[in-house]
């Protein structure tokens, strides 16, 4: 499964609706803080690496595209 498909599936499971690649996830309150942490943990399990604390900021996780760019910083 590609990372984009994985993210869309995880967000759908957490928010009970589908999202577009550039749709706001956090700023729109689609995911609350607990759901966001659950998403980050799922991403870390999927990629097999911890996401450094300095990368865990709202703008890095607000859209699927931003999340993908953040993951690229973790696994070059």
C-alpha atoms as a PDB file:
ATOM      1  CA  UNK A   1       0.000   0.000   0.000  1.00  0.00           C
ATOM      2  CA  UNK A   2       1.338   3.417  -0.922  1.00  0.00           C
ATOM      3  CA  UNK A   3       1.773   5.995   1.822  1.00  0.00           C
ATOM      4  CA  UNK A   4      -0.958   8.245   0.386  1.00  0.00           C
ATOM      5  CA  UNK A   5      -3.475   5.381   0.408  1.00  0.00           C
ATOM      6  CA  UNK A   6      -2.406   4.434   3.923  1.00  0.00           C
ATOM      7  CA  UNK A   7      -2.897   8.021   5.147  1.00  0.00           C
ATOM      8  CA  UNK A   8      -6.298   8.384   3.490  1.00  0.00           C
ATOM      9  CA  UNK A   9      -7.427   5.110   5.049  1.00  0.00           C
ATOM     10  CA  UNK A  10      -6.138   6.030   8.535  1.00  0.00           C
ATOM     11  CA  UNK A  11      -7.725   9.485   8.427  1.00  0.00           C
ATOM     12  CA  UNK A  12     -11.010   7.995   7.237  1.00  0.00           C
ATOM     13  CA  UNK A  13     -10.919   5.515  10.132  1.00  0.00           C
ATOM     14  CA  UNK A  14     -10.256   8.316  12.625  1.00  0.00           C
ATOM     15  CA  UNK A  15     -12.616  10.964  11.221  1.00  0.00           C
ATOM     16  CA  UNK A  16     -15.286   8.760   9.604  1.00  0.00           C
ATOM     17  CA  UNK A  17     -14.993  10.583   6.276  1.00  0.00           C
ATOM     18  CA  UNK A  18     -12.704  10.811   3.280  1.00  0.00           C
ATOM     19  CA  UNK A  19     -10.345  13.740   2.731  1.00  0.00           C
ATOM     20  CA  UNK A  20      -8.649  15.246  -0.312  1.00  0.00           C
ATOM     21  CA  UNK A  21      -4.858  15.523  -0.523  1.00  0.00           C
ATOM     22  CA  UNK A  22      -4.774  19.240   0.340  1.00  0.00           C
ATOM     23  CA  UNK A  23      -7.788  19.396   2.637  1.00  0.00           C
ATOM     24  CA  UNK A  24      -7.152  20.680   6.154  1.00  0.00           C
ATOM     25  CA  UNK A  25      -7.193  17.924   8.742  1.00  0.00           C
ATOM     26  CA  UNK A  26      -6.207  19.691  11.956  1.00  0.00           C
ATOM     27  CA  UNK A  27      -7.100  23.362  11.401  1.00  0.00           C
ATOM     28  CA  UNK A  28     -10.571  22.309  10.241  1.00  0.00           C
ATOM     29  CA  UNK A  29     -10.934  20.245  13.442  1.00  0.00           C
ATOM     30  CA  UNK A  30     -11.470  17.076  11.407  1.00  0.00           C
ATOM     31  CA  UNK A  31      -9.071  15.378  13.825  1.00  0.00           C
ATOM     32  CA  UNK A  32      -8.764  16.355  17.458  1.00  0.00           C
ATOM     33  CA  UNK A  33      -5.506  16.149  19.407  1.00  0.00           C
ATOM     34  CA  UNK A  34      -5.987  12.535  20.481  1.00  0.00           C
ATOM     35  CA  UNK A  35      -6.843  11.427  16.935  1.00  0.00           C
ATOM     36  CA  UNK A  36      -3.803  13.299  15.644  1.00  0.00           C
ATOM     37  CA  UNK A  37      -1.563  11.442  18.104  1.00  0.00           C
ATOM     38  CA  UNK A  38      -3.165   8.156  16.984  1.00  0.00           C
ATOM     39  CA  UNK A  39      -2.418   9.097  13.371  1.00  0.00           C
ATOM     40  CA  UNK A  40       1.224   9.905  14.184  1.00  0.00           C
ATOM     41  CA  UNK A  41       1.659   6.587  16.011  1.00  0.00           C
ATOM     42  CA  UNK A  42       0.128   4.728  13.044  1.00  0.00           C
ATOM     43  CA  UNK A  43       2.487   6.543  10.654  1.00  0.00           C
ATOM     44  CA  UNK A  44       5.496   5.660  12.810  1.00  0.00           C
ATOM     45  CA  UNK A  45       4.458   2.009  12.839  1.00  0.00           C
ATOM     46  CA  UNK A  46       3.911   2.071   9.066  1.00  0.00           C
ATOM     47  CA  UNK A  47       7.304   3.611   8.237  1.00  0.00           C
ATOM     48  CA  UNK A  48       9.139   1.771  11.023  1.00  0.00           C
ATOM     49  CA  UNK A  49      10.735   4.951  12.374  1.00  0.00           C
ATOM     50  CA  UNK A  50       9.987   7.542  15.021  1.00  0.00           C
ATOM     51  CA  UNK A  51       9.116  11.011  13.796  1.00  0.00           C
ATOM     52  CA  UNK A  52      11.455  13.505  15.493  1.00  0.00           C
ATOM     53  CA  UNK A  53       9.708  15.764  17.984  1.00  0.00           C
ATOM     54  CA  UNK A  54      10.736  18.938  16.128  1.00  0.00           C
ATOM     55  CA  UNK A  55       8.766  17.773  13.068  1.00  0.00           C
ATOM     56  CA  UNK A  56       5.561  17.191  15.015  1.00  0.00           C
ATOM     57  CA  UNK A  57       3.922  20.558  14.475  1.00  0.00           C
ATOM     58  CA  UNK A  58       0.453  21.421  13.197  1.00  0.00           C
ATOM     59  CA  UNK A  59       1.485  22.602   9.741  1.00  0.00           C
ATOM     60  CA  UNK A  60       3.374  19.346   9.051  1.00  0.00           C
ATOM     61  CA  UNK A  61       0.260  17.264   9.721  1.00  0.00           C
ATOM     62  CA  UNK A  62      -2.559  19.494   8.467  1.00  0.00           C
ATOM     63  CA  UNK A  63      -2.869  17.954   4.983  1.00  0.00           C
ATOM     64  CA  UNK A  64      -1.998  14.612   3.421  1.00  0.00           C
ATOM     65  CA  UNK A  65       0.519  16.361   1.163  1.00  0.00           C
ATOM     66  CA  UNK A  66       2.199  18.005   4.182  1.00  0.00           C
ATOM     67  CA  UNK A  67       2.328  14.663   5.997  1.00  0.00           C
ATOM     68  CA  UNK A  68       3.976  13.011   2.989  1.00  0.00           C
ATOM     69  CA  UNK A  69       6.591  15.789   2.831  1.00  0.00           C
ATOM     70  CA  UNK A  70       7.253  15.356   6.561  1.00  0.00           C
ATOM     71  CA  UNK A  71       7.677  11.596   6.155  1.00  0.00           C
ATOM     72  CA  UNK A  72      10.218  12.217   3.383  1.00  0.00           C
ATOM     73  CA  UNK A  73      12.299  14.177   5.927  1.00  0.00           C
ATOM     74  CA  UNK A  74      12.241  11.179   8.276  1.00  0.00           C
ATOM     75  CA  UNK A  75      13.116   8.517   5.718  1.00  0.00           C
ATOM     76  CA  UNK A  76      15.328  10.002   3.024  1.00  0.00           C
END
